[in-house]
Amino acid sequence: MPILDKIKQLWPFNNYIRMKSVGFDHALPISSPNVFFEKNVLKPKPKKGEILVKVVASAINPVDIKMRLNYHNPGEFRILGFDAVGYVEDIGQDVDTFSIGDKVFYAGQQITNGALSEYQTVKASLVGHAPLSLKNHEIAAMPLTSITAFEIMNEAFNLEVRSNIAEKKTILIINGAGGVGSILIQLAKYMGMTVVTTASQARSVSWVKNLGADYILDYHQNLEKQLKNIQHESVDYVAILHDTSAYFDFAARIIKPFGRITSIVDTKVPIDIGPLKNIGAQFNWVFMFAKGNFEINMQSQGKALNNIAELIDLGVIQSTVTKTLKGLSADNVIQATKMIEDGHNIGKVVIDYED
C-alpha cells in the first residue's frame, strides 16, 4: 500500500468523515412530503472481503419500491439503491481481485445499505470490472437486470452463456420491454435462440424489436392463438417476468417436453406445477439477491458481471438506460421512483451523481 494511503488510514479524523446520502425512515407513499430526504452519514470503511466504492451513478428498480413500502423499522434511516458504478477507493483484507482506482459495477445486497450515497462498501465477490465502452449512466443501468438475466440462462435454464449455444431453441419472454426482459432478449439472440416476447404499446413493440425479438405477441389478445399463428405452438423455455399467477398455467400448457419455465415475480396464490410432471418439464424461481442475502456462491455474480462487461464491449449487449437525472438528491430519487411506480417506463431510470 502506498505511504499516502497508510497515512490516510492512520489519521484519526478519517473515522469521522461524513458523506451525503439519500434515504427514508418510514414506509410512506411516494406522494408524501419527505418520503426521501438527504442526510450526512458516516463514510463507511471496508471490512474483510469488502471494497469501498466512490459511487458515480445508480439506477432505481422495482425492488427499491417494494422495500420502502414494506419497511418495518420506522425512524431508522435506510439507504436504498441496487445498481451502481463507481471507483474503488479503499480495499479490505483478503481482497486481491481489485486495485484502488478500478472502475467497477455491481448490484450489492439487500441486507446492507445501498448505493444512493457518495460512498458504499460492498462484498468484493459481488462486484465486476466495469465495461470500457459505456458512459457511467449507461453502466449504472446494467448490473441487477444483467445478473438476473444471466442467472435465468445459466442456472434456471442450465445453459452456458455462449455464442449460438442454443440454436434452434425457442424462448418466450413475458414482458420483454422491462429491465430484465431487455437484457434477456439480447442474451437469447446471442445464444442463437428464436425469441418470442410480449408487448402491446407501440413504443414497447419498437423497443423489443430493436433489441432483436423475432416475434412480438400482444398480451391483450389470446397468446396461444398467436403462437399457433407463428408456428410456435410450444417453446423450449419460458421466462415469466410479470404476474406469475396470471401466466403460469399458460406457460405450462405451451412448454415442450423437458422444457424449462422460470419466474422472477413472487405470487401470493398457489401455482399448480403438476402438469409439468408427465412431460419432464421443470420450474425454477430466480431471485438474484438470494446469494447475497445468504452469502452463498456470491462470487458467481462477480463473474457474471465480468462476462456481461465483455459482451457489452464486444457490442453484443447494449445499455438499457432510457432516462438519466443529474445529481444525487432527494428530488431526483423521488422523480425516478415515480417513473418506476407509474409502471409504464421502458428500460432503466438512472441518477448520475456528477452534476
Protein backbone atom coordinates (compact mmCIF):
# COMPACT_ATOMS: atom_id res chain seq x y z
CA MET A 1 0.00 0.00 0.00
CA PRO A 2 1.40 3.49 -0.88
CA ILE A 3 2.65 5.62 2.02
CA LEU A 4 -0.04 8.27 1.47
CA ASP A 5 -2.81 5.66 1.78
CA LYS A 6 -1.28 4.34 5.01
CA ILE A 7 -1.23 7.87 6.45
CA LYS A 8 -4.89 8.35 5.46
CA GLN A 9 -5.86 5.15 7.25
CA LEU A 10 -3.99 6.08 10.43
CA TRP A 11 -5.19 9.69 10.52
CA PRO A 12 -7.64 9.83 13.48
CA PHE A 13 -10.11 12.22 11.85
CA ASN A 14 -10.57 9.75 8.99
CA ASN A 15 -13.03 7.84 11.19
CA TYR A 16 -15.38 10.82 11.38
CA ILE A 17 -15.67 11.79 7.71
CA ARG A 18 -19.27 12.15 6.65
CA MET A 19 -20.88 11.67 3.25
CA LYS A 20 -24.07 12.73 1.53
CA SER A 21 -26.79 10.12 1.16
CA VAL A 22 -30.47 9.92 0.24
CA GLY A 23 -32.80 7.64 2.16
CA PHE A 24 -36.03 7.33 4.15
CA ASP A 25 -37.12 6.31 7.64
CA HIS A 26 -40.81 5.45 7.24
CA ALA A 27 -42.89 3.38 4.79
CA LEU A 28 -44.54 6.36 3.08
CA PRO A 29 -46.20 6.62 -0.34
CA ILE A 30 -44.17 8.46 -2.95
CA SER A 31 -46.63 11.39 -2.85
CA SER A 32 -45.87 12.09 0.83
CA PRO A 33 -43.69 15.06 1.84
CA ASN A 34 -40.16 13.94 2.81
CA VAL A 35 -40.72 10.39 1.58
CA PHE A 36 -36.99 10.59 0.76
CA PHE A 37 -34.60 13.08 2.31
CA GLU A 38 -30.89 13.89 2.27
CA LYS A 39 -28.70 13.16 5.26
CA ASN A 40 -24.98 13.26 6.03
CA VAL A 41 -23.90 9.92 7.47
CA LEU A 42 -20.55 8.44 8.42
CA LYS A 43 -18.44 7.36 5.47
CA PRO A 44 -18.04 3.57 5.82
CA LYS A 45 -14.78 1.66 5.94
CA PRO A 46 -14.36 -1.67 4.15
CA LYS A 47 -14.30 -4.80 6.30
CA LYS A 48 -12.66 -8.09 5.45
CA GLY A 49 -13.65 -9.17 1.95
CA GLU A 50 -15.13 -5.75 1.08
CA ILE A 51 -14.19 -2.77 -1.06
CA LEU A 52 -15.13 0.89 -0.63
CA VAL A 53 -16.54 2.43 -3.81
CA LYS A 54 -16.95 6.09 -4.67
CA VAL A 55 -20.33 5.82 -6.40
CA VAL A 56 -20.83 7.95 -9.52
CA ALA A 57 -24.21 6.68 -10.76
CA SER A 58 -27.05 4.41 -9.68
CA ALA A 59 -30.40 3.19 -11.01
CA ILE A 60 -33.82 2.79 -9.40
CA ASN A 61 -35.52 -0.62 -9.57
CA PRO A 62 -38.90 -2.08 -8.53
CA VAL A 63 -37.15 -3.74 -5.57
CA ASP A 64 -36.46 -0.27 -4.12
CA ILE A 65 -40.18 0.43 -4.14
CA LYS A 66 -41.10 -2.88 -2.51
CA MET A 67 -38.51 -2.46 0.23
CA ARG A 68 -39.65 1.08 1.04
CA LEU A 69 -43.34 0.20 1.19
CA ASN A 70 -42.64 -2.87 3.35
CA TYR A 71 -40.23 -1.13 5.74
CA HIS A 72 -40.64 -2.24 9.36
CA ASN A 73 -38.06 -0.09 11.20
CA PRO A 74 -39.75 3.33 11.48
CA GLY A 75 -37.36 6.10 12.48
CA GLU A 76 -34.27 4.20 11.33
CA PHE A 77 -32.60 5.80 8.30
CA ARG A 78 -32.31 3.41 5.35
CA ILE A 79 -30.38 3.88 2.10
CA LEU A 80 -31.59 2.03 -0.99
CA GLY A 81 -30.10 1.68 -4.49
CA PHE A 82 -29.17 -1.69 -6.01
CA ASP A 83 -27.39 -0.71 -9.20
CA ALA A 84 -24.07 1.11 -9.04
CA VAL A 85 -20.98 2.12 -10.95
CA GLY A 86 -18.00 3.77 -9.32
CA TYR A 87 -14.32 3.68 -8.48
CA VAL A 88 -12.55 1.61 -5.83
CA GLU A 89 -11.28 3.95 -3.11
CA ASP A 90 -10.25 1.51 -0.39
CA ILE A 91 -9.81 -2.25 -0.05
CA GLY A 92 -10.43 -4.51 2.93
CA GLN A 93 -8.40 -7.53 3.97
CA ASP A 94 -8.29 -10.63 1.77
CA VAL A 95 -9.32 -8.82 -1.41
CA ASP A 96 -6.95 -9.40 -4.32
CA THR A 97 -9.29 -9.00 -7.30
CA PHE A 98 -9.34 -5.19 -7.35
CA SER A 99 -6.94 -2.28 -7.03
CA ILE A 100 -7.56 1.28 -5.86
CA GLY A 101 -8.85 3.29 -8.81
CA ASP A 102 -10.51 0.38 -10.62
CA LYS A 103 -13.85 1.19 -12.22
CA VAL A 104 -16.47 -1.32 -11.06
CA PHE A 105 -20.19 -2.08 -11.24
CA TYR A 106 -22.47 -4.20 -9.05
CA ALA A 107 -25.93 -4.68 -7.54
CA GLY A 108 -24.91 -5.33 -3.91
CA GLN A 109 -27.01 -6.88 -1.15
CA GLN A 110 -30.46 -6.19 0.25
CA ILE A 111 -29.19 -6.66 3.79
CA THR A 112 -26.81 -3.67 3.63
CA ASN A 113 -27.24 0.00 2.81
CA GLY A 114 -27.45 0.70 -0.91
CA ALA A 115 -25.78 2.94 -3.45
CA LEU A 116 -27.77 6.17 -3.04
CA SER A 117 -24.82 7.77 -1.28
CA GLU A 118 -21.41 9.17 -2.17
CA TYR A 119 -19.63 6.02 -0.98
CA GLN A 120 -20.65 2.42 -0.40
CA THR A 121 -18.94 -0.68 0.95
CA VAL A 122 -19.75 -3.90 -0.90
CA LYS A 123 -18.60 -7.51 -0.86
CA ALA A 124 -15.85 -7.77 -3.46
CA SER A 125 -17.18 -11.12 -4.66
CA LEU A 126 -20.37 -9.43 -5.90
CA VAL A 127 -18.51 -6.87 -7.99
CA GLY A 128 -17.37 -6.88 -11.62
CA HIS A 129 -14.94 -4.74 -13.58
CA ALA A 130 -16.99 -2.15 -15.45
CA PRO A 131 -17.21 -2.25 -19.25
CA LEU A 132 -14.87 0.16 -21.01
CA SER A 133 -17.16 1.21 -23.86
CA LEU A 134 -20.04 2.80 -21.93
CA LYS A 135 -20.51 6.05 -20.01
CA ASN A 136 -21.26 6.00 -16.29
CA HIS A 137 -25.03 6.40 -16.60
CA GLU A 138 -25.15 3.66 -19.24
CA ILE A 139 -23.26 1.25 -16.99
CA ALA A 140 -25.41 2.00 -13.94
CA ALA A 141 -28.47 0.65 -15.75
CA MET A 142 -26.97 -2.81 -16.15
CA PRO A 143 -25.98 -4.78 -13.01
CA LEU A 144 -29.22 -6.01 -11.39
CA THR A 145 -31.02 -6.86 -14.61
CA SER A 146 -27.93 -8.37 -16.22
CA ILE A 147 -27.24 -10.64 -13.25
CA THR A 148 -30.88 -11.74 -13.22
CA ALA A 149 -30.92 -12.47 -16.96
CA PHE A 150 -27.59 -14.30 -16.70
CA GLU A 151 -28.88 -16.46 -13.83
CA ILE A 152 -32.04 -17.26 -15.78
CA MET A 153 -29.95 -18.61 -18.64
CA ASN A 154 -27.18 -20.20 -16.63
CA GLU A 155 -28.99 -21.59 -13.59
CA ALA A 156 -32.72 -21.81 -14.34
CA PHE A 157 -32.28 -22.98 -17.94
CA ASN A 158 -28.92 -24.72 -17.35
CA LEU A 159 -27.34 -23.07 -20.40
CA GLU A 160 -23.84 -21.71 -20.82
CA VAL A 161 -23.95 -18.11 -21.98
CA ARG A 162 -22.03 -18.59 -25.21
CA SER A 163 -22.50 -17.65 -28.85
CA ASN A 164 -25.07 -19.84 -30.64
CA ILE A 165 -25.10 -22.43 -27.84
CA ALA A 166 -28.90 -22.72 -28.09
CA GLU A 167 -29.50 -22.65 -31.84
CA LYS A 168 -32.93 -23.96 -32.93
CA LYS A 169 -34.30 -23.39 -29.42
CA THR A 170 -37.21 -21.04 -28.79
CA ILE A 171 -37.79 -18.82 -25.76
CA LEU A 172 -40.95 -16.96 -24.77
CA ILE A 173 -40.28 -13.90 -22.63
CA ILE A 174 -43.28 -12.44 -20.80
CA ASN A 175 -42.68 -8.66 -20.55
CA GLY A 176 -39.69 -8.25 -22.83
CA ALA A 177 -39.69 -4.45 -22.58
CA GLY A 178 -38.95 -4.49 -18.84
CA GLY A 179 -35.47 -4.19 -17.38
CA VAL A 180 -34.71 -7.92 -17.15
CA GLY A 181 -36.54 -8.73 -20.38
CA SER A 182 -34.48 -6.17 -22.27
CA ILE A 183 -31.26 -7.95 -21.30
CA LEU A 184 -32.72 -11.43 -21.70
CA ILE A 185 -33.74 -10.74 -25.31
CA GLN A 186 -30.18 -9.71 -26.14
CA LEU A 187 -28.62 -12.73 -24.40
CA ALA A 188 -31.07 -15.10 -26.10
CA LYS A 189 -30.24 -13.74 -29.54
CA TYR A 190 -26.50 -14.00 -28.81
CA MET A 191 -27.07 -17.63 -27.80
CA GLY A 192 -28.85 -18.34 -31.08
CA MET A 193 -32.46 -18.63 -29.87
CA THR A 194 -35.65 -17.68 -31.61
CA VAL A 195 -37.09 -15.00 -29.34
CA VAL A 196 -40.82 -14.54 -28.82
CA THR A 197 -41.90 -11.84 -26.39
CA THR A 198 -44.97 -9.92 -25.27
CA ALA A 199 -45.60 -6.22 -25.79
CA SER A 200 -48.56 -4.04 -26.62
CA GLN A 201 -47.89 -0.31 -26.77
CA ALA A 202 -46.22 0.96 -29.92
CA ARG A 203 -43.11 2.15 -28.12
CA SER A 204 -42.74 -1.19 -26.30
CA VAL A 205 -43.09 -3.08 -29.58
CA SER A 206 -40.47 -0.85 -31.17
CA TRP A 207 -38.15 -1.29 -28.17
CA VAL A 208 -38.17 -5.11 -28.14
CA LYS A 209 -37.91 -5.25 -31.93
CA ASN A 210 -34.78 -3.09 -31.80
CA LEU A 211 -33.31 -5.40 -29.16
CA GLY A 212 -33.71 -8.37 -31.51
CA ALA A 213 -37.05 -10.04 -30.75
CA ASP A 214 -38.19 -12.25 -33.64
CA TYR A 215 -41.90 -12.34 -32.80
CA ILE A 216 -43.98 -9.99 -30.67
CA LEU A 217 -47.29 -11.08 -29.11
CA ASP A 218 -49.98 -8.70 -27.91
CA TYR A 219 -50.64 -9.70 -24.30
CA HIS A 220 -54.16 -8.24 -24.54
CA GLN A 221 -55.06 -10.96 -27.06
CA ASN A 222 -55.10 -14.78 -26.88
CA LEU A 223 -51.44 -15.76 -26.60
CA GLU A 224 -51.88 -19.42 -27.54
CA LYS A 225 -53.66 -18.50 -30.75
CA GLN A 226 -50.90 -16.02 -31.58
CA LEU A 227 -48.23 -18.69 -31.01
CA LYS A 228 -50.04 -21.02 -33.41
CA ASN A 229 -50.18 -18.26 -36.00
CA ILE A 230 -46.37 -18.01 -35.96
CA GLN A 231 -45.93 -21.82 -35.98
CA HIS A 232 -44.53 -21.95 -32.45
CA GLU A 233 -47.34 -23.72 -30.60
CA SER A 234 -44.83 -24.84 -27.97
CA VAL A 235 -41.47 -23.46 -26.82
CA ASP A 236 -38.35 -24.76 -25.11
CA TYR A 237 -38.09 -22.03 -22.47
CA VAL A 238 -40.47 -19.58 -20.81
CA ALA A 239 -39.34 -16.63 -18.69
CA ILE A 240 -42.20 -15.10 -16.68
CA LEU A 241 -41.16 -11.55 -15.84
CA HIS A 242 -44.61 -10.23 -14.95
CA ASP A 243 -47.50 -11.63 -12.85
CA THR A 244 -46.59 -15.27 -12.27
CA SER A 245 -50.10 -16.32 -11.22
CA ALA A 246 -51.61 -14.87 -14.42
CA TYR A 247 -49.18 -16.57 -16.80
CA PHE A 248 -48.07 -19.84 -15.20
CA ASP A 249 -50.93 -22.06 -16.39
CA PHE A 250 -50.46 -20.76 -19.92
CA ALA A 251 -46.71 -21.44 -19.71
CA ALA A 252 -47.36 -24.99 -18.50
CA ARG A 253 -49.64 -25.61 -21.50
CA ILE A 254 -47.17 -24.45 -24.13
CA ILE A 255 -43.84 -25.70 -22.70
CA LYS A 256 -42.21 -28.53 -24.63
CA PRO A 257 -41.37 -31.89 -23.01
CA PHE A 258 -38.26 -31.42 -20.85
CA GLY A 259 -38.56 -27.67 -21.26
CA ARG A 260 -37.94 -25.15 -18.51
CA ILE A 261 -40.06 -22.39 -17.03
CA THR A 262 -38.72 -19.72 -14.70
CA SER A 263 -40.17 -16.69 -12.94
CA ILE A 264 -38.73 -13.72 -11.08
CA VAL A 265 -42.10 -12.44 -9.80
CA ASP A 266 -43.49 -13.62 -6.48
CA THR A 267 -47.07 -14.83 -6.15
CA LYS A 268 -49.47 -14.85 -3.23
CA VAL A 269 -51.59 -17.66 -4.68
CA PRO A 270 -50.52 -21.28 -5.27
CA ILE A 271 -49.38 -22.36 -8.73
CA ASP A 272 -50.00 -25.90 -9.94
CA ILE A 273 -46.79 -27.50 -11.20
CA GLY A 274 -48.48 -30.90 -11.50
CA PRO A 275 -48.92 -30.70 -15.30
CA LEU A 276 -45.14 -30.49 -15.70
CA LYS A 277 -44.54 -33.94 -14.20
CA ASN A 278 -45.52 -36.19 -17.09
CA ILE A 279 -43.59 -34.14 -19.65
CA GLY A 280 -40.44 -33.93 -17.55
CA ALA A 281 -40.51 -30.12 -17.60
CA GLN A 282 -39.10 -28.00 -14.77
CA PHE A 283 -40.00 -24.80 -12.95
CA ASN A 284 -37.48 -22.60 -11.11
CA TRP A 285 -37.54 -19.32 -9.26
CA VAL A 286 -34.75 -16.82 -9.86
CA PHE A 287 -34.08 -14.16 -7.22
CA MET A 288 -30.70 -12.55 -7.72
CA PHE A 289 -30.50 -11.22 -4.15
CA ALA A 290 -30.72 -14.71 -2.61
CA LYS A 291 -26.97 -15.30 -2.98
CA GLY A 292 -26.09 -12.06 -1.25
CA ASN A 293 -28.78 -12.39 1.42
CA PHE A 294 -27.49 -15.83 2.44
CA GLU A 295 -23.87 -15.22 1.38
CA ILE A 296 -23.83 -18.32 -0.82
CA ASN A 297 -21.91 -18.55 -4.11
CA MET A 298 -21.61 -14.77 -4.27
CA GLN A 299 -18.54 -14.94 -6.49
CA SER A 300 -20.73 -16.24 -9.32
CA GLN A 301 -22.33 -12.79 -9.57
CA GLY A 302 -18.99 -11.03 -9.85
CA LYS A 303 -18.07 -13.47 -12.63
CA ALA A 304 -21.42 -12.90 -14.35
CA LEU A 305 -20.80 -9.15 -14.36
CA ASN A 306 -17.35 -9.64 -15.86
CA ASN A 307 -18.95 -11.74 -18.61
CA ILE A 308 -21.60 -9.09 -19.20
CA ALA A 309 -18.94 -6.37 -19.38
CA GLU A 310 -17.09 -8.38 -22.04
CA LEU A 311 -20.29 -8.82 -24.07
CA ILE A 312 -21.01 -5.09 -23.79
CA ASP A 313 -17.53 -4.19 -25.03
CA LEU A 314 -17.95 -6.65 -27.91
CA GLY A 315 -21.16 -4.88 -28.92
CA VAL A 316 -23.35 -7.91 -28.17
CA ILE A 317 -25.34 -6.16 -25.42
CA GLN A 318 -26.40 -2.53 -25.32
CA SER A 319 -27.30 -0.48 -22.28
CA THR A 320 -30.99 -0.24 -21.43
CA VAL A 321 -30.92 3.25 -19.89
CA THR A 322 -33.73 5.42 -21.22
CA LYS A 323 -33.81 8.30 -18.71
CA THR A 324 -30.99 9.98 -16.79
CA LEU A 325 -31.36 12.51 -13.97
CA LYS A 326 -28.36 14.63 -12.97
CA GLY A 327 -27.21 14.87 -9.36
CA LEU A 328 -27.65 12.82 -6.18
CA SER A 329 -30.60 14.48 -4.46
CA ALA A 330 -33.86 13.59 -2.75
CA ASP A 331 -35.78 15.31 -5.55
CA ASN A 332 -34.15 13.13 -8.20
CA VAL A 333 -34.71 9.93 -6.21
CA ILE A 334 -38.38 10.87 -5.82
CA GLN A 335 -38.71 11.69 -9.53
CA ALA A 336 -37.01 8.45 -10.61
CA THR A 337 -39.14 6.41 -8.20
CA LYS A 338 -42.33 7.97 -9.53
CA MET A 339 -41.33 6.91 -13.06
CA ILE A 340 -40.90 3.30 -11.93
CA GLU A 341 -44.07 3.26 -9.81
CA ASP A 342 -46.04 4.59 -12.78
CA GLY A 343 -45.46 1.20 -14.43
CA HIS A 344 -45.16 2.49 -17.99
CA ASN A 345 -41.43 3.13 -18.13
CA ILE A 346 -39.35 1.27 -20.71
CA GLY A 347 -35.75 0.43 -19.86
CA LYS A 348 -33.99 1.90 -16.83
CA VAL A 349 -34.02 5.22 -14.97
CA VAL A 350 -30.55 6.28 -13.79
CA ILE A 351 -29.27 9.01 -11.48
CA ASP A 352 -25.87 10.36 -12.50
CA TYR A 353 -24.23 11.84 -9.40
CA GLU A 354 -21.96 14.16 -11.35
CA ASP A 355 -23.92 17.40 -11.93
